Amino acid sequence: MVKIVNKVMRYFFIEHPITIGARAVIKGSDAKQIKNVFRLKPGNKIGLFDGLGMEYTARIVAFSAQGVAVELTQSFPSKSESNLDIIVAQAYLKERKMDGLVRQLTELGVKKWVPFFAERSIPRPDKLRLVARKKRWGKITREALKQSKRGRVMEIIGPVMFEKIPNLAQSCDLKLVFWENESKPFDSNEFELRGRKIQQVFVMLGPEGGLTTSEIDRVMASGFKTAALGPRILRAETATVAAVTLVQYLLGDMGKKILTKI
């Protein structure tokens, strides 16, 4: 009996876009994976993402102390990006929870992530700690990009203070704040735009202690609509994943793909 081996092309991140026929060098942990984990050889094909919306097919040319030299053979726009631009504003949570959210939101196709400090945000790291955290989040989102085969790296803005959120959401077609004190579920049909589809959605969620009534009043005054996530109280990080999944299902590329009608 002949055993059939299914060879799956491995994908790696490359910092900058390059042209067909050009050579590039893959460095760092990706190079180590290619050589020591996957044990790929010169002549093997691999896939590359540049994080800017392009994918590439490349051929391994050689190994060196500098990394893995590859030659690009094909380029094409990524087909894994959502048709809906989702921006998520997440009130600052405990650090491990934030790390997990970066990975999950990248996998779910979120375009931008905005951590912010709400009144009830308990952790408030100093500036040096925030710089280190943002660097770590960037690394996590690039790793998640490879795993989920996304074409674009999720952009991370901030962290910022709560007061900046209305301005960041100003140009969005739909602004939602999911709030545990709201009983009415999100219904996309209530937020249709006359004559065109919703293209950009801003989704806001609170910290472990929830957003205060005054914070809700302030964002509602700037055009936000409140929505619920069912009758159960969800953990803050669970609520964020549930909210994004719901929006992607109703308006994005995970389900119904509802388009607004005139």
Protein backbone atom coordinates (compact mmCIF):
# COMPACT_ATOMS: atom_id res chain seq x y z
CA MET A 1 0.00 0.00 0.00
CA VAL A 2 1.40 3.39 -1.03
CA LYS A 3 1.27 6.10 1.63
CA ILE A 4 0.28 9.48 0.20
CA VAL A 5 1.89 12.45 1.91
CA ASN A 6 0.08 15.76 1.68
CA LYS A 7 2.69 18.50 1.43
CA VAL A 8 1.26 21.76 2.71
CA MET A 9 3.07 24.93 1.71
CA ARG A 10 4.47 26.76 4.71
CA TYR A 11 3.92 30.51 5.05
CA PHE A 12 6.27 33.10 6.51
CA PHE A 13 6.32 36.84 7.09
CA ILE A 14 8.54 39.17 5.09
CA GLU A 15 9.09 42.76 6.17
CA HIS A 16 8.88 44.53 2.81
CA PRO A 17 7.15 43.90 -0.54
CA ILE A 18 9.48 42.69 -3.29
CA THR A 19 9.18 42.15 -7.03
CA ILE A 20 8.97 38.92 -9.02
CA GLY A 21 12.39 37.46 -9.77
CA ALA A 22 14.03 39.38 -6.94
CA ARG A 23 15.74 37.70 -4.02
CA ALA A 24 15.18 38.31 -0.34
CA VAL A 25 16.57 36.95 2.91
CA ILE A 26 14.31 35.57 5.62
CA LYS A 27 15.88 36.12 9.05
CA GLY A 28 15.24 35.49 12.71
CA SER A 29 12.82 32.92 14.07
CA ASP A 30 11.29 32.26 10.64
CA ALA A 31 14.68 31.28 9.25
CA LYS A 32 15.22 28.93 12.19
CA GLN A 33 11.83 27.34 11.60
CA ILE A 34 12.58 26.81 7.91
CA LYS A 35 15.93 25.16 8.64
CA ASN A 36 15.47 23.37 11.96
CA VAL A 37 11.74 22.73 12.42
CA PHE A 38 10.35 22.13 8.94
CA ARG A 39 13.76 21.04 7.56
CA LEU A 40 13.07 22.56 4.17
CA LYS A 41 15.73 22.38 1.47
CA PRO A 42 16.92 24.54 -1.45
CA GLY A 43 14.37 24.19 -4.23
CA ASN A 44 11.39 23.84 -1.85
CA LYS A 45 8.53 26.30 -2.32
CA ILE A 46 7.19 28.47 0.49
CA GLY A 47 4.54 31.17 0.81
CA LEU A 48 5.21 34.71 2.03
CA PHE A 49 3.08 37.58 3.39
CA ASP A 50 4.27 41.18 3.44
CA GLY A 51 1.56 42.34 5.85
CA LEU A 52 0.44 44.97 3.35
CA GLY A 53 -2.09 42.89 1.43
CA MET A 54 0.16 40.90 -0.90
CA GLU A 55 1.09 37.22 -0.90
CA TYR A 56 4.01 35.58 -2.68
CA THR A 57 5.21 32.19 -3.78
CA ALA A 58 8.96 31.80 -3.39
CA ARG A 59 11.66 29.19 -3.94
CA ILE A 60 14.38 28.56 -1.37
CA VAL A 61 17.75 29.31 -2.97
CA ALA A 62 20.32 28.87 -0.22
CA PHE A 63 21.03 28.89 3.52
CA SER A 64 23.63 31.14 5.13
CA ALA A 65 24.58 32.69 8.44
CA GLN A 66 22.42 35.69 7.50
CA GLY A 67 19.27 33.59 7.00
CA VAL A 68 17.39 31.85 4.22
CA ALA A 69 17.72 33.29 0.72
CA VAL A 70 14.59 32.97 -1.43
CA GLU A 71 13.60 33.96 -4.95
CA LEU A 72 10.08 35.20 -5.63
CA THR A 73 8.23 33.39 -8.40
CA GLN A 74 4.69 34.75 -8.07
CA SER A 75 2.77 37.57 -6.36
CA PHE A 76 -0.96 38.13 -5.91
CA PRO A 77 -3.35 40.12 -3.69
CA SER A 78 -4.40 38.32 -0.54
CA LYS A 79 -7.86 36.73 -0.70
CA SER A 80 -8.21 36.34 3.05
CA GLU A 81 -8.94 39.96 4.01
CA SER A 82 -12.46 40.86 5.09
CA ASN A 83 -14.68 43.00 2.89
CA LEU A 84 -15.52 44.92 6.06
CA ASP A 85 -13.09 47.25 7.85
CA ILE A 86 -13.51 46.58 11.55
CA ILE A 87 -11.86 48.81 14.15
CA VAL A 88 -11.99 47.54 17.72
CA ALA A 89 -11.54 49.86 20.69
CA GLN A 90 -10.82 47.71 23.73
CA ALA A 91 -10.62 49.14 27.24
CA TYR A 92 -7.34 48.08 28.81
CA LEU A 93 -7.47 44.65 30.48
CA LYS A 94 -4.93 42.64 32.42
CA GLU A 95 -1.89 42.05 30.23
CA ARG A 96 -2.29 38.34 29.48
CA LYS A 97 -5.85 38.99 28.36
CA MET A 98 -4.67 41.74 26.02
CA ASP A 99 -2.04 39.42 24.54
CA GLY A 100 -4.69 36.80 23.83
CA LEU A 101 -7.02 39.35 22.25
CA VAL A 102 -4.32 40.56 19.86
CA ARG A 103 -4.00 37.04 18.48
CA GLN A 104 -7.74 36.36 18.30
CA LEU A 105 -8.67 39.68 16.70
CA THR A 106 -5.95 39.22 14.08
CA GLU A 107 -7.41 35.81 13.27
CA LEU A 108 -10.91 37.29 13.03
CA GLY A 109 -9.83 39.84 10.42
CA VAL A 110 -9.91 43.06 12.46
CA LYS A 111 -8.21 45.91 10.59
CA LYS A 112 -7.27 48.16 13.54
CA TRP A 113 -7.10 47.65 17.29
CA VAL A 114 -7.26 50.58 19.71
CA PRO A 115 -6.52 49.80 23.37
CA PHE A 116 -7.74 52.63 25.60
CA PHE A 117 -7.90 53.53 29.26
CA ALA A 118 -11.43 53.69 30.67
CA GLU A 119 -12.44 54.85 34.15
CA ARG A 120 -12.50 51.26 35.42
CA SER A 121 -9.35 50.03 33.69
CA ILE A 122 -7.34 48.62 36.58
CA PRO A 123 -3.90 48.10 35.00
CA ARG A 124 -2.30 51.41 34.04
CA PRO A 125 1.27 50.66 32.98
CA ASP A 126 3.88 53.42 32.80
CA LYS A 127 5.24 54.66 29.44
CA LEU A 128 8.18 52.28 29.32
CA ARG A 129 5.93 49.32 30.05
CA LEU A 130 3.49 50.43 27.34
CA VAL A 131 6.29 50.62 24.77
CA ALA A 132 7.31 47.06 25.65
CA ARG A 133 3.71 45.84 25.50
CA LYS A 134 3.09 47.40 22.10
CA LYS A 135 6.27 45.81 20.76
CA ARG A 136 5.06 42.44 22.05
CA TRP A 137 1.60 42.96 20.52
CA GLY A 138 3.22 43.66 17.16
CA LYS A 139 5.11 40.39 17.36
CA ILE A 140 1.96 38.49 18.34
CA THR A 141 -0.11 39.92 15.47
CA ARG A 142 2.61 38.99 12.95
CA GLU A 143 2.68 35.43 14.29
CA ALA A 144 -1.12 35.25 14.14
CA LEU A 145 -1.03 36.58 10.58
CA LYS A 146 1.09 33.59 9.53
CA GLN A 147 -1.13 31.11 11.33
CA SER A 148 -4.37 32.51 9.90
CA LYS A 149 -2.88 33.25 6.46
CA ARG A 150 -4.05 36.85 6.53
CA GLY A 151 -2.68 39.33 4.06
CA ARG A 152 -2.44 42.38 6.33
CA VAL A 153 -1.03 42.94 9.77
CA MET A 154 -3.61 44.33 12.18
CA GLU A 155 -2.71 47.96 12.90
CA ILE A 156 -2.35 48.82 16.59
CA ILE A 157 -3.16 52.41 17.61
CA GLY A 158 -2.36 53.69 21.06
CA PRO A 159 -2.98 52.93 23.85
CA VAL A 160 -5.01 56.13 24.12
CA MET A 161 -7.25 57.77 26.68
CA PHE A 162 -11.03 57.31 26.52
CA GLU A 163 -11.51 60.92 25.42
CA LYS A 164 -9.88 60.21 22.04
CA ILE A 165 -12.27 57.43 21.05
CA PRO A 166 -15.06 59.61 19.51
CA ASN A 167 -12.57 61.30 17.16
CA LEU A 168 -11.05 57.99 16.10
CA ALA A 169 -14.53 56.69 15.25
CA GLN A 170 -15.76 59.83 13.54
CA SER A 171 -15.45 58.67 9.92
CA CYS A 172 -16.91 55.18 10.43
CA ASP A 173 -20.24 54.19 8.86
CA LEU A 174 -21.40 52.40 12.00
CA LYS A 175 -20.31 52.94 15.62
CA LEU A 176 -21.28 50.30 18.16
CA VAL A 177 -20.63 50.01 21.87
CA PHE A 178 -21.47 46.63 23.39
CA TRP A 179 -22.68 47.23 26.94
CA GLU A 180 -23.80 44.77 29.60
CA ASN A 181 -26.63 47.07 30.73
CA GLU A 182 -28.22 47.09 27.28
CA SER A 183 -30.86 44.40 26.67
CA LYS A 184 -31.44 44.98 22.97
CA PRO A 185 -29.28 42.77 20.71
CA PHE A 186 -27.36 44.06 17.72
CA ASP A 187 -29.59 44.03 14.64
CA SER A 188 -27.76 45.08 11.48
CA ASN A 189 -31.04 45.92 9.75
CA GLU A 190 -31.54 48.87 12.09
CA PHE A 191 -28.30 50.49 10.99
CA GLU A 192 -28.54 50.33 7.22
CA LEU A 193 -27.21 53.23 5.18
CA ARG A 194 -29.43 54.41 2.39
CA GLY A 195 -28.01 53.58 -1.03
CA ARG A 196 -24.74 51.95 0.03
CA LYS A 197 -23.35 49.15 2.12
CA ILE A 198 -21.63 49.53 5.46
CA GLN A 199 -17.88 49.47 4.85
CA GLN A 200 -16.33 50.52 8.13
CA VAL A 201 -17.52 49.57 11.62
CA PHE A 202 -16.13 50.83 14.91
CA VAL A 203 -16.69 48.38 17.79
CA MET A 204 -16.13 49.50 21.37
CA LEU A 205 -15.97 47.35 24.51
CA GLY A 206 -15.29 48.07 28.16
CA PRO A 207 -12.91 46.73 30.82
CA GLU A 208 -13.53 44.01 33.40
CA GLY A 209 -15.69 46.38 35.46
CA GLY A 210 -17.58 47.63 32.43
CA LEU A 211 -17.98 51.13 31.04
CA THR A 212 -19.59 53.71 33.31
CA THR A 213 -22.92 55.34 32.53
CA SER A 214 -21.17 58.67 31.93
CA GLU A 215 -18.81 57.04 29.41
CA ILE A 216 -21.75 55.47 27.59
CA ASP A 217 -23.54 58.84 27.51
CA ARG A 218 -20.46 60.53 26.04
CA VAL A 219 -20.00 58.08 23.18
CA MET A 220 -23.73 57.97 22.43
CA ALA A 221 -23.65 61.75 22.09
CA SER A 222 -21.05 61.27 19.33
CA GLY A 223 -23.17 58.80 17.36
CA PHE A 224 -22.54 55.43 18.98
CA LYS A 225 -25.35 52.89 19.29
CA THR A 226 -25.52 50.48 22.22
CA ALA A 227 -26.04 46.75 21.75
CA ALA A 228 -26.18 43.62 23.89
CA LEU A 229 -24.50 40.24 23.55
CA GLY A 230 -27.28 38.11 24.97
CA PRO A 231 -28.70 37.55 28.45
CA ARG A 232 -25.48 36.24 30.05
CA ILE A 233 -22.66 38.27 31.56
CA LEU A 234 -19.51 37.56 29.56
CA ARG A 235 -15.93 38.02 30.61
CA ALA A 236 -14.46 41.13 29.00
CA GLU A 237 -12.20 39.20 26.61
CA THR A 238 -15.01 36.79 25.69
CA ALA A 239 -17.33 39.71 24.92
CA THR A 240 -14.79 41.22 22.53
CA VAL A 241 -14.39 38.02 20.53
CA ALA A 242 -18.16 37.46 20.50
CA ALA A 243 -18.86 41.02 19.32
CA VAL A 244 -16.37 40.87 16.45
CA THR A 245 -17.60 37.45 15.37
CA LEU A 246 -21.19 38.74 15.34
CA VAL A 247 -20.27 41.79 13.26
CA GLN A 248 -18.25 39.68 10.82
CA TYR A 249 -21.14 37.26 10.48
CA LEU A 250 -23.82 39.87 9.85
CA LEU A 251 -21.83 42.39 7.83
CA GLY A 252 -18.49 40.85 6.92
CA ASP A 253 -17.13 37.64 5.42
CA MET A 254 -18.01 35.01 8.03
CA GLY A 255 -21.65 34.43 7.19
CA LYS A 256 -24.65 36.29 5.83
CA LYS A 257 -22.80 39.20 4.19
CA ILE A 258 -25.82 41.48 4.57
CA LEU A 259 -25.75 44.45 2.23
CA THR A 260 -27.79 47.51 2.96
CA LYS A 261 -30.68 48.30 0.68
CA ILE A 262 -32.29 51.51 -0.47
